[in-house]
Amino acid sequence: MKFLRIFMIGLLFIGLIASTGYALEQNQNRLKIEDITLQVFDRSTNKLSPLSPLPNPYGMDMDVLVTVKVRGNQTPPSNQVVQPQKIRLVVDGKEYTTAATGKVSSWKETQTRSVFIAPEKEISYIPFLIEYKCYPNVAFTASVSTSSLWKSFPLSCAE
């Protein structure tokens, strides 16, 4: 009889843990990455411009403004406080070689920001600022909880 009572308490405890984990997972899965866009910020003129054509063909004195579009769930679980989540941006440029530059090492950078979308809002745009580096093909991966999006862009320069 004592074993049965301990067994039942154990089952209830496991059920409680599972339901709490499910509620936390539902809360964390409320954000979805929808898009990644890039603009160039020219520090010498204090202006934003499209990625092409570059305001400076050599990529000097410029940064990349990476904007991640995030959609929030309009109906969060009732009676739950929705906590900000961490959004991560990974920048990955593969090594390359040209006659003008020689061998250029690979480039890997990660930035993290907190994101919170109020229940009455649907979309938020999260900015990341990264120093412009000349790479023919750069992968940008944004992720939050289980949502992730990958896009590739050329950050080219004149040789």
C-alpha atoms as a PDB file:
ATOM      1  CA  MET A   1       0.000   0.000   0.000  1.00  0.00           C
ATOM      2  CA  LYS A   2       2.822   2.379   0.853  1.00  0.00           C
ATOM      3  CA  PHE A   3       4.506   1.598  -2.493  1.00  0.00           C
ATOM      4  CA  LEU A   4       1.268   2.401  -4.361  1.00  0.00           C
ATOM      5  CA  ARG A   5       0.946   5.740  -2.559  1.00  0.00           C
ATOM      6  CA  ILE A   6       4.573   6.671  -3.395  1.00  0.00           C
ATOM      7  CA  PHE A   7       4.032   5.538  -6.989  1.00  0.00           C
ATOM      8  CA  MET A   8       0.905   7.744  -7.334  1.00  0.00           C
ATOM      9  CA  ILE A   9       2.689  10.759  -5.825  1.00  0.00           C
ATOM     10  CA  GLY A  10       5.566  10.179  -8.253  1.00  0.00           C
ATOM     11  CA  LEU A  11       3.146  10.095 -11.204  1.00  0.00           C
ATOM     12  CA  LEU A  12       1.476  13.311 -10.048  1.00  0.00           C
ATOM     13  CA  PHE A  13       4.885  14.960  -9.665  1.00  0.00           C
ATOM     14  CA  ILE A  14       5.929  13.890 -13.187  1.00  0.00           C
ATOM     15  CA  GLY A  15       2.623  15.205 -14.568  1.00  0.00           C
ATOM     16  CA  LEU A  16       3.139  18.534 -12.823  1.00  0.00           C
ATOM     17  CA  ILE A  17       6.654  18.874 -14.217  1.00  0.00           C
ATOM     18  CA  ALA A  18       5.481  17.967 -17.731  1.00  0.00           C
ATOM     19  CA  SER A  19       2.609  20.464 -17.678  1.00  0.00           C
ATOM     20  CA  THR A  20       4.858  23.238 -16.343  1.00  0.00           C
ATOM     21  CA  GLY A  21       7.403  22.481 -19.061  1.00  0.00           C
ATOM     22  CA  TYR A  22       4.654  22.580 -21.703  1.00  0.00           C
ATOM     23  CA  ALA A  23       3.401  25.960 -20.418  1.00  0.00           C
ATOM     24  CA  LEU A  24       6.940  27.368 -20.462  1.00  0.00           C
ATOM     25  CA  GLU A  25       7.507  25.996 -23.962  1.00  0.00           C
ATOM     26  CA  GLN A  26       4.254  27.580 -25.188  1.00  0.00           C
ATOM     27  CA  ASN A  27       5.368  30.888 -23.686  1.00  0.00           C
ATOM     28  CA  GLN A  28       8.791  30.649 -25.335  1.00  0.00           C
ATOM     29  CA  ASN A  29       7.382  29.646 -28.729  1.00  0.00           C
ATOM     30  CA  ARG A  30       5.273  32.758 -29.042  1.00  0.00           C
ATOM     31  CA  LEU A  31       7.813  34.584 -31.250  1.00  0.00           C
ATOM     32  CA  LYS A  32       8.636  33.828 -34.882  1.00  0.00           C
ATOM     33  CA  ILE A  33      11.454  35.225 -37.030  1.00  0.00           C
ATOM     34  CA  GLU A  34       9.928  36.481 -40.305  1.00  0.00           C
ATOM     35  CA  ASP A  35      12.664  38.362 -42.158  1.00  0.00           C
ATOM     36  CA  ILE A  36      16.221  39.674 -42.096  1.00  0.00           C
ATOM     37  CA  THR A  37      17.086  42.876 -43.956  1.00  0.00           C
ATOM     38  CA  LEU A  38      20.332  44.810 -44.331  1.00  0.00           C
ATOM     39  CA  GLN A  39      21.172  48.472 -44.787  1.00  0.00           C
ATOM     40  CA  VAL A  40      24.499  50.269 -44.706  1.00  0.00           C
ATOM     41  CA  PHE A  41      25.190  53.002 -42.178  1.00  0.00           C
ATOM     42  CA  ASP A  42      27.840  55.437 -43.403  1.00  0.00           C
ATOM     43  CA  ARG A  43      29.574  56.882 -40.329  1.00  0.00           C
ATOM     44  CA  SER A  44      31.153  59.726 -42.314  1.00  0.00           C
ATOM     45  CA  THR A  45      27.776  61.123 -43.431  1.00  0.00           C
ATOM     46  CA  ASN A  46      25.472  59.721 -40.704  1.00  0.00           C
ATOM     47  CA  LYS A  47      23.186  58.234 -43.388  1.00  0.00           C
ATOM     48  CA  LEU A  48      21.541  54.903 -44.064  1.00  0.00           C
ATOM     49  CA  SER A  49      21.576  53.540 -47.593  1.00  0.00           C
ATOM     50  CA  PRO A  50      20.771  50.294 -49.398  1.00  0.00           C
ATOM     51  CA  LEU A  51      23.384  47.560 -49.557  1.00  0.00           C
ATOM     52  CA  SER A  52      23.932  48.259 -53.235  1.00  0.00           C
ATOM     53  CA  PRO A  53      25.423  50.508 -54.438  1.00  0.00           C
ATOM     54  CA  LEU A  54      27.718  51.134 -51.484  1.00  0.00           C
ATOM     55  CA  PRO A  55      28.298  54.773 -50.510  1.00  0.00           C
ATOM     56  CA  ASN A  56      31.993  53.865 -50.211  1.00  0.00           C
ATOM     57  CA  PRO A  57      33.105  51.139 -52.653  1.00  0.00           C
ATOM     58  CA  TYR A  58      35.818  49.947 -50.244  1.00  0.00           C
ATOM     59  CA  GLY A  59      33.497  49.441 -47.271  1.00  0.00           C
ATOM     60  CA  MET A  60      35.460  51.911 -45.158  1.00  0.00           C
ATOM     61  CA  ASP A  61      33.886  53.779 -42.226  1.00  0.00           C
ATOM     62  CA  MET A  62      30.629  51.824 -42.567  1.00  0.00           C
ATOM     63  CA  ASP A  63      28.476  49.514 -40.495  1.00  0.00           C
ATOM     64  CA  VAL A  64      25.716  47.106 -41.436  1.00  0.00           C
ATOM     65  CA  LEU A  65      22.328  47.669 -39.834  1.00  0.00           C
ATOM     66  CA  VAL A  66      20.763  44.211 -39.667  1.00  0.00           C
ATOM     67  CA  THR A  67      17.042  44.354 -38.941  1.00  0.00           C
ATOM     68  CA  VAL A  68      15.245  41.203 -37.806  1.00  0.00           C
ATOM     69  CA  LYS A  69      11.476  41.194 -38.199  1.00  0.00           C
ATOM     70  CA  VAL A  70       9.809  39.238 -35.382  1.00  0.00           C
ATOM     71  CA  ARG A  71       6.123  38.345 -35.170  1.00  0.00           C
ATOM     72  CA  GLY A  72       4.545  37.797 -31.785  1.00  0.00           C
ATOM     73  CA  ASN A  73       1.609  35.588 -30.852  1.00  0.00           C
ATOM     74  CA  GLN A  74      -1.450  37.802 -30.414  1.00  0.00           C
ATOM     75  CA  THR A  75      -3.023  35.499 -27.859  1.00  0.00           C
ATOM     76  CA  PRO A  76      -0.503  34.639 -25.157  1.00  0.00           C
ATOM     77  CA  PRO A  77      -1.564  32.063 -22.564  1.00  0.00           C
ATOM     78  CA  SER A  78      -3.966  33.684 -20.088  1.00  0.00           C
ATOM     79  CA  ASN A  79      -2.832  34.500 -16.566  1.00  0.00           C
ATOM     80  CA  GLN A  80       0.829  34.205 -17.543  1.00  0.00           C
ATOM     81  CA  VAL A  81       3.430  36.927 -17.432  1.00  0.00           C
ATOM     82  CA  VAL A  82       5.282  36.917 -20.743  1.00  0.00           C
ATOM     83  CA  GLN A  83       9.009  37.388 -20.178  1.00  0.00           C
ATOM     84  CA  PRO A  84      11.357  38.980 -22.714  1.00  0.00           C
ATOM     85  CA  GLN A  85      13.207  36.438 -24.812  1.00  0.00           C
ATOM     86  CA  LYS A  86      16.723  36.423 -26.192  1.00  0.00           C
ATOM     87  CA  ILE A  87      17.124  36.799 -29.932  1.00  0.00           C
ATOM     88  CA  ARG A  88      20.476  35.790 -31.367  1.00  0.00           C
ATOM     89  CA  LEU A  89      22.087  36.897 -34.603  1.00  0.00           C
ATOM     90  CA  VAL A  90      24.999  34.871 -35.990  1.00  0.00           C
ATOM     91  CA  VAL A  91      27.128  36.350 -38.777  1.00  0.00           C
ATOM     92  CA  ASP A  92      29.214  33.838 -40.709  1.00  0.00           C
ATOM     93  CA  GLY A  93      31.542  34.805 -43.547  1.00  0.00           C
ATOM     94  CA  LYS A  94      33.564  32.036 -45.163  1.00  0.00           C
ATOM     95  CA  GLU A  95      37.258  32.529 -45.852  1.00  0.00           C
ATOM     96  CA  TYR A  96      38.152  33.519 -49.378  1.00  0.00           C
ATOM     97  CA  THR A  97      41.141  34.404 -51.530  1.00  0.00           C
ATOM     98  CA  THR A  98      41.529  37.020 -54.274  1.00  0.00           C
ATOM     99  CA  ALA A  99      44.553  38.405 -56.113  1.00  0.00           C
ATOM    100  CA  ALA A 100      44.053  41.830 -54.511  1.00  0.00           C
ATOM    101  CA  THR A 101      43.540  40.690 -50.906  1.00  0.00           C
ATOM    102  CA  GLY A 102      45.244  37.321 -50.720  1.00  0.00           C
ATOM    103  CA  LYS A 103      43.767  34.900 -48.211  1.00  0.00           C
ATOM    104  CA  VAL A 104      41.102  36.393 -45.914  1.00  0.00           C
ATOM    105  CA  SER A 105      40.215  34.398 -42.784  1.00  0.00           C
ATOM    106  CA  SER A 106      36.678  33.376 -41.972  1.00  0.00           C
ATOM    107  CA  TRP A 107      34.496  35.752 -39.959  1.00  0.00           C
ATOM    108  CA  LYS A 108      32.164  34.604 -37.195  1.00  0.00           C
ATOM    109  CA  GLU A 109      30.304  36.971 -34.901  1.00  0.00           C
ATOM    110  CA  THR A 110      27.337  36.532 -32.563  1.00  0.00           C
ATOM    111  CA  GLN A 111      25.154  39.187 -30.967  1.00  0.00           C
ATOM    112  CA  THR A 112      22.250  38.741 -28.553  1.00  0.00           C
ATOM    113  CA  ARG A 113      19.413  41.102 -27.645  1.00  0.00           C
ATOM    114  CA  SER A 114      16.290  40.868 -25.547  1.00  0.00           C
ATOM    115  CA  VAL A 115      12.981  41.096 -27.361  1.00  0.00           C
ATOM    116  CA  PHE A 116       9.505  41.601 -25.976  1.00  0.00           C
ATOM    117  CA  ILE A 117       6.383  42.104 -28.036  1.00  0.00           C
ATOM    118  CA  ALA A 118       3.363  43.321 -26.110  1.00  0.00           C
ATOM    119  CA  PRO A 119       0.192  41.227 -26.678  1.00  0.00           C
ATOM    120  CA  GLU A 120      -1.507  44.147 -28.463  1.00  0.00           C
ATOM    121  CA  LYS A 121       1.360  44.384 -30.982  1.00  0.00           C
ATOM    122  CA  GLU A 122       2.010  41.914 -33.759  1.00  0.00           C
ATOM    123  CA  ILE A 123       5.434  42.783 -35.134  1.00  0.00           C
ATOM    124  CA  SER A 124       8.686  44.203 -33.828  1.00  0.00           C
ATOM    125  CA  TYR A 125      11.891  45.057 -35.661  1.00  0.00           C
ATOM    126  CA  ILE A 126      15.070  44.251 -33.746  1.00  0.00           C
ATOM    127  CA  PRO A 127      18.223  46.140 -34.876  1.00  0.00           C
ATOM    128  CA  PHE A 128      21.777  44.825 -34.770  1.00  0.00           C
ATOM    129  CA  LEU A 129      24.791  46.917 -35.749  1.00  0.00           C
ATOM    130  CA  ILE A 130      27.817  45.146 -37.218  1.00  0.00           C
ATOM    131  CA  GLU A 131      31.034  46.582 -38.622  1.00  0.00           C
ATOM    132  CA  TYR A 132      31.094  46.300 -42.424  1.00  0.00           C
ATOM    133  CA  LYS A 133      33.628  43.758 -43.646  1.00  0.00           C
ATOM    134  CA  CYS A 134      34.237  42.836 -47.269  1.00  0.00           C
ATOM    135  CA  TYR A 135      33.107  39.226 -47.823  1.00  0.00           C
ATOM    136  CA  PRO A 136      31.583  37.869 -51.038  1.00  0.00           C
ATOM    137  CA  ASN A 137      29.027  35.734 -49.195  1.00  0.00           C
ATOM    138  CA  VAL A 138      27.889  36.232 -45.606  1.00  0.00           C
ATOM    139  CA  ALA A 139      25.250  34.115 -43.864  1.00  0.00           C
ATOM    140  CA  PHE A 140      23.027  35.840 -41.296  1.00  0.00           C
ATOM    141  CA  THR A 141      21.072  33.543 -38.977  1.00  0.00           C
ATOM    142  CA  ALA A 142      18.533  34.958 -36.527  1.00  0.00           C
ATOM    143  CA  SER A 143      16.953  32.707 -33.904  1.00  0.00           C
ATOM    144  CA  VAL A 144      14.644  33.017 -30.938  1.00  0.00           C
ATOM    145  CA  SER A 145      13.457  29.952 -29.019  1.00  0.00           C
ATOM    146  CA  THR A 146      12.650  27.375 -31.729  1.00  0.00           C
ATOM    147  CA  SER A 147      12.177  29.869 -34.576  1.00  0.00           C
ATOM    148  CA  SER A 148      15.117  30.509 -36.870  1.00  0.00           C
ATOM    149  CA  LEU A 149      15.766  32.145 -40.245  1.00  0.00           C
ATOM    150  CA  TRP A 150      18.893  32.112 -42.413  1.00  0.00           C
ATOM    151  CA  LYS A 151      19.691  34.516 -45.271  1.00  0.00           C
ATOM    152  CA  SER A 152      22.824  35.103 -47.291  1.00  0.00           C
ATOM    153  CA  PHE A 153      24.057  38.504 -48.547  1.00  0.00           C
ATOM    154  CA  PRO A 154      27.166  39.664 -50.408  1.00  0.00           C
ATOM    155  CA  LEU A 155      29.155  42.340 -48.593  1.00  0.00           C
ATOM    156  CA  SER A 156      31.353  43.111 -51.528  1.00  0.00           C
ATOM    157  CA  CYS A 157      33.981  45.791 -52.037  1.00  0.00           C
ATOM    158  CA  ALA A 158      35.988  47.126 -54.919  1.00  0.00           C
ATOM    159  CA  GLU A 159      39.321  45.378 -55.348  1.00  0.00           C
END
